[in-house]
Amino acid sequence: MKMIGPWALALLALAIPGWAGDIYRWTDAAGNVHYSNMEAAGADATAVAPAGPAAAPRDDASPRTARATRDAGDGEAVPADAEAFSAGVSLRRNALERDLRATERRLHAIDGQMTTLARARGQHAPALVPDGLDLRSEEEKDLAAEREKLTQHATQVRNDAAQLRQEVTARLGATPPWWIDLR
């Protein structure tokens, strides 16, 4: 078997941009925003990330003569910075939701482990236990402590999401239709 020469790798590197295409954005009848690498049939799709070389970095020191805007779909112009803010907030909200879901999965697993350990302890514990005597194993105590920390973390994540929603509402003037509260 022959080794791939450097010239073959160079040809492959030159061919990769040819596989890239435009990214289109459109809003469906329900008001949901979609992104795809194919233009939607029957939808008014707008190319948002054209294929080709990346744009030159913006010089923030240069004066801006006009504020960039886009059409919100209802004829109202939305500043590009509001769109960037919305995208950043959406990413933060999604990260909070992923964190909350992972925390809830771990809490569920801990609850299962604690139930199993409590059942085993109940089968092997003496019938009469003096009040105030803690018969839990070290593993049960550790799981209870971890559960308490995770419960506090889940509460903090929910509070962070509520604070993020308030920030979005204050910045955009109302809670946007794309916002979904954490469940």
C-alpha atoms as a PDB file:
ATOM      1  CA  MET A   1       0.000   0.000   0.000  1.00  0.00           C
ATOM      2  CA  LYS A   2       1.336   3.411  -0.953  1.00  0.00           C
ATOM      3  CA  MET A   3       1.559   6.340   1.400  1.00  0.00           C
ATOM      4  CA  ILE A   4      -0.486   9.390   0.502  1.00  0.00           C
ATOM      5  CA  GLY A   5       1.906  12.043  -0.664  1.00  0.00           C
ATOM      6  CA  PRO A   6       1.887  15.643   0.505  1.00  0.00           C
ATOM      7  CA  TRP A   7       0.486  16.670  -2.886  1.00  0.00           C
ATOM      8  CA  ALA A   8      -2.620  14.508  -2.296  1.00  0.00           C
ATOM      9  CA  LEU A   9      -3.229  16.167   1.054  1.00  0.00           C
ATOM     10  CA  ALA A  10      -2.820  19.582  -0.554  1.00  0.00           C
ATOM     11  CA  LEU A  11      -5.420  18.682  -3.207  1.00  0.00           C
ATOM     12  CA  LEU A  12      -7.790  17.487  -0.514  1.00  0.00           C
ATOM     13  CA  ALA A  13      -7.334  20.717   1.458  1.00  0.00           C
ATOM     14  CA  LEU A  14      -8.115  22.743  -1.655  1.00  0.00           C
ATOM     15  CA  ALA A  15     -11.248  20.697  -2.370  1.00  0.00           C
ATOM     16  CA  ILE A  16     -12.809  21.087   1.103  1.00  0.00           C
ATOM     17  CA  PRO A  17     -14.077  24.667   0.558  1.00  0.00           C
ATOM     18  CA  GLY A  18     -15.899  23.362  -2.519  1.00  0.00           C
ATOM     19  CA  TRP A  19     -18.009  21.122  -0.290  1.00  0.00           C
ATOM     20  CA  ALA A  20     -19.088  24.042   1.882  1.00  0.00           C
ATOM     21  CA  GLY A  21     -22.240  25.899   0.922  1.00  0.00           C
ATOM     22  CA  ASP A  22     -24.406  28.752   2.019  1.00  0.00           C
ATOM     23  CA  ILE A  23     -26.332  28.623   5.272  1.00  0.00           C
ATOM     24  CA  TYR A  24     -29.934  29.742   4.918  1.00  0.00           C
ATOM     25  CA  ARG A  25     -32.287  31.158   7.557  1.00  0.00           C
ATOM     26  CA  TRP A  26     -36.058  31.212   7.298  1.00  0.00           C
ATOM     27  CA  THR A  27     -39.129  31.469   9.501  1.00  0.00           C
ATOM     28  CA  ASP A  28     -41.960  28.955   9.146  1.00  0.00           C
ATOM     29  CA  ALA A  29     -45.696  29.684   9.455  1.00  0.00           C
ATOM     30  CA  ALA A  30     -45.577  29.065  13.227  1.00  0.00           C
ATOM     31  CA  GLY A  31     -42.875  31.717  13.650  1.00  0.00           C
ATOM     32  CA  ASN A  32     -40.046  29.242  14.305  1.00  0.00           C
ATOM     33  CA  VAL A  33     -36.653  30.193  12.900  1.00  0.00           C
ATOM     34  CA  HIS A  34     -34.797  27.475  10.975  1.00  0.00           C
ATOM     35  CA  TYR A  35     -31.239  27.216   9.651  1.00  0.00           C
ATOM     36  CA  SER A  36     -30.162  24.840   6.916  1.00  0.00           C
ATOM     37  CA  ASN A  37     -27.560  24.348   4.226  1.00  0.00           C
ATOM     38  CA  MET A  38     -30.367  24.002   1.650  1.00  0.00           C
ATOM     39  CA  GLU A  39     -32.781  26.703   0.577  1.00  0.00           C
ATOM     40  CA  ALA A  40     -36.276  25.863   1.855  1.00  0.00           C
ATOM     41  CA  ALA A  41     -38.884  25.212  -0.823  1.00  0.00           C
ATOM     42  CA  GLY A  42     -41.642  27.821  -0.669  1.00  0.00           C
ATOM     43  CA  ALA A  43     -39.973  29.780   2.121  1.00  0.00           C
ATOM     44  CA  ASP A  44     -38.323  33.165   1.911  1.00  0.00           C
ATOM     45  CA  ALA A  45     -34.856  31.916   2.874  1.00  0.00           C
ATOM     46  CA  THR A  46     -32.011  34.351   3.407  1.00  0.00           C
ATOM     47  CA  ALA A  47     -28.369  33.354   3.085  1.00  0.00           C
ATOM     48  CA  VAL A  48     -26.790  34.198   6.439  1.00  0.00           C
ATOM     49  CA  ALA A  49     -23.372  32.579   6.078  1.00  0.00           C
ATOM     50  CA  PRO A  50     -22.169  32.603   2.497  1.00  0.00           C
ATOM     51  CA  ALA A  51     -19.641  30.056   1.364  1.00  0.00           C
ATOM     52  CA  GLY A  52     -16.192  31.256   0.538  1.00  0.00           C
ATOM     53  CA  PRO A  53     -13.403  32.958   2.405  1.00  0.00           C
ATOM     54  CA  ALA A  54     -14.096  34.239   5.869  1.00  0.00           C
ATOM     55  CA  ALA A  55     -14.770  37.927   6.315  1.00  0.00           C
ATOM     56  CA  ALA A  56     -11.881  40.128   7.308  1.00  0.00           C
ATOM     57  CA  PRO A  57     -11.769  40.929  11.011  1.00  0.00           C
ATOM     58  CA  ARG A  58     -13.603  44.111  11.884  1.00  0.00           C
ATOM     59  CA  ASP A  59     -11.602  47.020  13.189  1.00  0.00           C
ATOM     60  CA  ASP A  60     -13.586  48.227  16.214  1.00  0.00           C
ATOM     61  CA  ALA A  61     -11.598  51.463  16.248  1.00  0.00           C
ATOM     62  CA  SER A  62     -13.064  52.511  12.891  1.00  0.00           C
ATOM     63  CA  PRO A  63     -16.110  54.791  13.048  1.00  0.00           C
ATOM     64  CA  ARG A  64     -19.446  53.281  12.113  1.00  0.00           C
ATOM     65  CA  THR A  65     -21.569  55.304   9.757  1.00  0.00           C
ATOM     66  CA  ALA A  66     -24.689  53.144   9.767  1.00  0.00           C
ATOM     67  CA  ARG A  67     -26.076  50.556  12.140  1.00  0.00           C
ATOM     68  CA  ALA A  68     -26.532  47.124  10.532  1.00  0.00           C
ATOM     69  CA  THR A  69     -30.097  45.809  10.577  1.00  0.00           C
ATOM     70  CA  ARG A  70     -32.063  42.823   9.385  1.00  0.00           C
ATOM     71  CA  ASP A  71     -35.746  42.285   8.653  1.00  0.00           C
ATOM     72  CA  ALA A  72     -37.576  40.503  11.484  1.00  0.00           C
ATOM     73  CA  GLY A  73     -40.058  38.996   9.026  1.00  0.00           C
ATOM     74  CA  ASP A  74     -42.903  41.303  10.000  1.00  0.00           C
ATOM     75  CA  GLY A  75     -41.432  44.350   8.288  1.00  0.00           C
ATOM     76  CA  GLU A  76     -39.749  45.619  11.442  1.00  0.00           C
ATOM     77  CA  ALA A  77     -35.995  46.161  11.300  1.00  0.00           C
ATOM     78  CA  VAL A  78     -34.000  44.535  14.087  1.00  0.00           C
ATOM     79  CA  PRO A  79     -30.503  45.841  14.867  1.00  0.00           C
ATOM     80  CA  ALA A  80     -27.761  43.327  14.192  1.00  0.00           C
ATOM     81  CA  ASP A  81     -26.509  43.739  17.764  1.00  0.00           C
ATOM     82  CA  ALA A  82     -29.971  42.652  19.040  1.00  0.00           C
ATOM     83  CA  GLU A  83     -29.698  39.552  16.859  1.00  0.00           C
ATOM     84  CA  ALA A  84     -26.214  38.819  18.215  1.00  0.00           C
ATOM     85  CA  PHE A  85     -27.488  39.393  21.761  1.00  0.00           C
ATOM     86  CA  SER A  86     -30.384  36.992  21.130  1.00  0.00           C
ATOM     87  CA  ALA A  87     -28.050  34.353  19.739  1.00  0.00           C
ATOM     88  CA  GLY A  88     -25.713  34.656  22.729  1.00  0.00           C
ATOM     89  CA  VAL A  89     -28.598  34.492  25.181  1.00  0.00           C
ATOM     90  CA  SER A  90     -30.003  31.457  23.413  1.00  0.00           C
ATOM     91  CA  LEU A  91     -26.657  29.675  23.752  1.00  0.00           C
ATOM     92  CA  ARG A  92     -26.447  30.579  27.455  1.00  0.00           C
ATOM     93  CA  ARG A  93     -30.035  29.399  28.037  1.00  0.00           C
ATOM     94  CA  ASN A  94     -29.327  26.097  26.271  1.00  0.00           C
ATOM     95  CA  ALA A  95     -26.209  25.581  28.391  1.00  0.00           C
ATOM     96  CA  LEU A  96     -28.268  26.180  31.542  1.00  0.00           C
ATOM     97  CA  GLU A  97     -30.865  23.675  30.371  1.00  0.00           C
ATOM     98  CA  ARG A  98     -28.219  21.029  29.615  1.00  0.00           C
ATOM     99  CA  ASP A  99     -26.698  21.606  33.054  1.00  0.00           C
ATOM    100  CA  LEU A 100     -30.111  21.302  34.726  1.00  0.00           C
ATOM    101  CA  ARG A 101     -30.953  18.088  32.843  1.00  0.00           C
ATOM    102  CA  ALA A 102     -27.601  16.517  33.768  1.00  0.00           C
ATOM    103  CA  THR A 103     -28.130  17.512  37.407  1.00  0.00           C
ATOM    104  CA  GLU A 104     -31.626  16.027  37.413  1.00  0.00           C
ATOM    105  CA  ARG A 105     -30.344  12.775  35.884  1.00  0.00           C
ATOM    106  CA  ARG A 106     -27.686  12.522  38.611  1.00  0.00           C
ATOM    107  CA  LEU A 107     -30.300  13.271  41.305  1.00  0.00           C
ATOM    108  CA  HIS A 108     -32.490  10.491  39.916  1.00  0.00           C
ATOM    109  CA  ALA A 109     -29.554   8.056  39.971  1.00  0.00           C
ATOM    110  CA  ILE A 110     -28.689   9.031  43.557  1.00  0.00           C
ATOM    111  CA  ASP A 111     -32.321   8.557  44.618  1.00  0.00           C
ATOM    112  CA  GLY A 112     -32.253   5.050  43.154  1.00  0.00           C
ATOM    113  CA  GLN A 113     -29.012   4.198  44.939  1.00  0.00           C
ATOM    114  CA  MET A 114     -30.289   5.595  48.243  1.00  0.00           C
ATOM    115  CA  THR A 115     -33.538   3.628  47.933  1.00  0.00           C
ATOM    116  CA  THR A 116     -31.619   0.414  47.295  1.00  0.00           C
ATOM    117  CA  LEU A 117     -29.293   1.032  50.257  1.00  0.00           C
ATOM    118  CA  ALA A 118     -32.198   1.952  52.564  1.00  0.00           C
ATOM    119  CA  ARG A 119     -34.052  -1.227  51.554  1.00  0.00           C
ATOM    120  CA  ALA A 120     -30.959  -3.338  52.291  1.00  0.00           C
ATOM    121  CA  ARG A 121     -30.428  -1.556  55.610  1.00  0.00           C
ATOM    122  CA  GLY A 122     -34.088  -2.170  56.533  1.00  0.00           C
ATOM    123  CA  GLN A 123     -33.708  -5.880  55.914  1.00  0.00           C
ATOM    124  CA  HIS A 124     -30.608  -6.183  58.092  1.00  0.00           C
ATOM    125  CA  ALA A 125     -31.224  -3.573  60.802  1.00  0.00           C
ATOM    126  CA  PRO A 126     -32.421  -4.501  64.270  1.00  0.00           C
ATOM    127  CA  ALA A 127     -36.163  -4.159  64.866  1.00  0.00           C
ATOM    128  CA  LEU A 128     -35.879  -1.597  67.652  1.00  0.00           C
ATOM    129  CA  VAL A 129     -33.546   1.336  67.091  1.00  0.00           C
ATOM    130  CA  PRO A 130     -33.105   4.032  69.747  1.00  0.00           C
ATOM    131  CA  ASP A 131     -34.238   7.501  68.668  1.00  0.00           C
ATOM    132  CA  GLY A 132     -31.488   9.686  67.267  1.00  0.00           C
ATOM    133  CA  LEU A 133     -29.275   6.778  66.216  1.00  0.00           C
ATOM    134  CA  ASP A 134     -28.246   7.082  62.564  1.00  0.00           C
ATOM    135  CA  LEU A 135     -27.817   3.625  61.058  1.00  0.00           C
ATOM    136  CA  ARG A 136     -27.011   4.895  57.567  1.00  0.00           C
ATOM    137  CA  SER A 137     -23.805   3.653  56.007  1.00  0.00           C
ATOM    138  CA  GLU A 138     -21.011   6.028  54.978  1.00  0.00           C
ATOM    139  CA  GLU A 139     -22.078   5.529  51.362  1.00  0.00           C
ATOM    140  CA  GLU A 140     -25.637   6.635  52.213  1.00  0.00           C
ATOM    141  CA  LYS A 141     -24.334   9.672  54.080  1.00  0.00           C
ATOM    142  CA  ASP A 142     -22.074  10.606  51.154  1.00  0.00           C
ATOM    143  CA  LEU A 143     -24.941  10.190  48.696  1.00  0.00           C
ATOM    144  CA  ALA A 144     -27.213  12.336  50.894  1.00  0.00           C
ATOM    145  CA  ALA A 145     -24.568  15.076  51.028  1.00  0.00           C
ATOM    146  CA  GLU A 146     -24.058  14.915  47.244  1.00  0.00           C
ATOM    147  CA  ARG A 147     -27.831  15.010  46.742  1.00  0.00           C
ATOM    148  CA  GLU A 148     -28.097  18.144  48.865  1.00  0.00           C
ATOM    149  CA  LYS A 149     -25.345  19.864  46.856  1.00  0.00           C
ATOM    150  CA  LEU A 150     -26.999  18.867  43.568  1.00  0.00           C
ATOM    151  CA  THR A 151     -30.374  20.136  44.777  1.00  0.00           C
ATOM    152  CA  GLN A 152     -28.777  23.483  45.626  1.00  0.00           C
ATOM    153  CA  HIS A 153     -27.059  23.528  42.227  1.00  0.00           C
ATOM    154  CA  ALA A 154     -30.356  22.838  40.417  1.00  0.00           C
ATOM    155  CA  THR A 155     -31.978  25.699  42.325  1.00  0.00           C
ATOM    156  CA  GLN A 156     -29.094  27.997  41.363  1.00  0.00           C
ATOM    157  CA  VAL A 157     -29.391  27.010  37.681  1.00  0.00           C
ATOM    158  CA  ARG A 158     -33.130  27.766  37.756  1.00  0.00           C
ATOM    159  CA  ASN A 159     -32.403  31.134  39.394  1.00  0.00           C
ATOM    160  CA  ASP A 160     -29.757  31.876  36.746  1.00  0.00           C
ATOM    161  CA  ALA A 161     -32.287  31.067  34.005  1.00  0.00           C
ATOM    162  CA  ALA A 162     -34.877  33.353  35.599  1.00  0.00           C
ATOM    163  CA  GLN A 163     -32.280  36.120  35.850  1.00  0.00           C
ATOM    164  CA  LEU A 164     -31.341  35.567  32.190  1.00  0.00           C
ATOM    165  CA  ARG A 165     -35.003  35.869  31.213  1.00  0.00           C
ATOM    166  CA  GLN A 166     -35.259  39.158  33.110  1.00  0.00           C
ATOM    167  CA  GLU A 167     -32.122  40.391  31.339  1.00  0.00           C
ATOM    168  CA  VAL A 168     -33.582  39.466  27.947  1.00  0.00           C
ATOM    169  CA  THR A 169     -36.928  41.093  28.749  1.00  0.00           C
ATOM    170  CA  ALA A 170     -35.212  44.268  29.934  1.00  0.00           C
ATOM    171  CA  ARG A 171     -32.948  44.423  26.863  1.00  0.00           C
ATOM    172  CA  LEU A 172     -35.574  43.565  24.229  1.00  0.00           C
ATOM    173  CA  GLY A 173     -38.545  45.243  25.913  1.00  0.00           C
ATOM    174  CA  ALA A 174     -40.584  42.037  26.199  1.00  0.00           C
ATOM    175  CA  THR A 175     -40.031  38.327  26.483  1.00  0.00           C
ATOM    176  CA  PRO A 176     -39.300  37.242  22.903  1.00  0.00           C
ATOM    177  CA  PRO A 177     -41.394  34.508  21.269  1.00  0.00           C
ATOM    178  CA  TRP A 178     -38.361  32.222  20.954  1.00  0.00           C
ATOM    179  CA  TRP A 179     -37.797  32.124  24.728  1.00  0.00           C
ATOM    180  CA  ILE A 180     -38.646  28.783  26.366  1.00  0.00           C
ATOM    181  CA  ASP A 181     -38.625  28.584  30.149  1.00  0.00           C
ATOM    182  CA  LEU A 182     -36.615  25.779  31.727  1.00  0.00           C
ATOM    183  CA  ARG A 183     -38.839  22.883  32.696  1.00  0.00           C
END
